[in-house]
């Protein structure tokens, strides 16, 4: 779900401090992230979301390292 729509849904659902938001299917996690932004406690059933998030963070870090190495190689060859 688009991030803007997730924030609208969480806002319309009155997510806030002291409220509980349960997302049984999680998907991309945009609803629970938006609800948590408003201060609500969030619960999800799908454990795959956490694993996918960890995997995505590792991929992003690896991509950052590879991009840095490419930049450094370009800088060295430009001299």
Protein backbone atom coordinates (compact mmCIF):
# COMPACT_ATOMS: atom_id res chain seq x y z
CA UNK A 1 0.00 0.00 0.00
CA UNK A 2 1.19 3.50 -0.75
CA UNK A 3 2.63 5.29 2.27
CA UNK A 4 0.30 8.28 1.95
CA UNK A 5 -2.76 6.04 1.85
CA UNK A 6 -1.49 4.06 4.85
CA UNK A 7 -1.20 7.29 6.87
CA UNK A 8 -4.71 8.29 5.82
CA UNK A 9 -6.07 4.87 6.85
CA UNK A 10 -4.30 5.01 10.22
CA UNK A 11 -5.61 8.54 10.77
CA UNK A 12 -9.18 7.57 9.81
CA UNK A 13 -8.92 4.55 12.12
CA UNK A 14 -8.05 6.95 14.97
CA UNK A 15 -4.72 5.25 15.66
CA UNK A 16 -3.06 6.91 18.60
CA UNK A 17 -1.61 6.46 22.06
CA UNK A 18 -3.46 3.82 24.06
CA UNK A 19 -4.97 2.23 20.94
CA UNK A 20 -4.20 -1.21 19.54
CA UNK A 21 -3.91 -1.84 15.80
CA UNK A 22 -3.96 -5.45 14.62
CA UNK A 23 -2.95 -6.24 11.04
CA UNK A 24 -3.38 -9.97 10.43
CA UNK A 25 -1.75 -10.07 7.00
CA UNK A 26 0.85 -7.26 7.27
CA UNK A 27 1.92 -7.30 3.60
CA UNK A 28 4.37 -4.42 3.25
CA UNK A 29 3.79 -3.29 6.83
CA UNK A 30 2.74 0.22 5.84
CA UNK A 31 -0.40 0.20 8.02
CA UNK A 32 1.39 -0.87 11.20
CA UNK A 33 4.23 1.59 10.57
CA UNK A 34 1.73 4.42 10.06
CA UNK A 35 -0.24 3.41 13.17
CA UNK A 36 2.97 3.24 15.21
CA UNK A 37 3.83 6.73 13.95
CA UNK A 38 0.63 7.99 15.55
CA UNK A 39 1.61 6.26 18.82
CA UNK A 40 -0.60 3.17 18.66
CA UNK A 41 0.57 -0.24 19.80
CA UNK A 42 0.75 -2.56 16.82
CA UNK A 43 0.35 -6.31 16.54
CA UNK A 44 0.77 -8.40 13.43
CA UNK A 45 0.37 -12.07 12.76
CA UNK A 46 2.73 -12.61 9.86
CA UNK A 47 6.31 -13.16 10.93
CA UNK A 48 7.46 -12.89 7.33
CA UNK A 49 7.28 -9.10 7.55
CA UNK A 50 10.11 -8.93 10.09
CA UNK A 51 12.23 -11.37 8.10
CA UNK A 52 11.63 -9.46 4.86
CA UNK A 53 12.49 -6.18 6.58
CA UNK A 54 15.76 -7.59 7.92
CA UNK A 55 16.60 -9.01 4.50
CA UNK A 56 15.79 -5.70 2.78
CA UNK A 57 17.98 -3.77 5.22
CA UNK A 58 20.87 -6.16 4.55
CA UNK A 59 20.39 -5.74 0.80
CA UNK A 60 20.31 -1.95 1.11
CA UNK A 61 23.48 -1.95 3.20
CA UNK A 62 25.21 -4.23 0.69
CA UNK A 63 24.11 -1.97 -2.17
CA UNK A 64 25.47 1.05 -0.30
CA UNK A 65 28.83 -0.66 0.17
CA UNK A 66 28.99 -1.69 -3.48
CA UNK A 67 28.05 1.82 -4.65
CA UNK A 68 30.73 3.30 -2.41
CA UNK A 69 33.33 0.95 -3.87
CA UNK A 70 32.28 1.90 -7.42
CA UNK A 71 32.54 5.60 -6.58
CA UNK A 72 35.98 5.09 -5.07
CA UNK A 73 37.14 3.19 -8.18
CA UNK A 74 35.81 6.03 -10.40
CA UNK A 75 37.58 8.64 -8.26
CA UNK A 76 40.87 6.76 -8.50
CA UNK A 77 40.66 6.38 -12.27
CA UNK A 78 39.77 10.06 -12.76
CA UNK A 79 43.05 11.22 -11.19
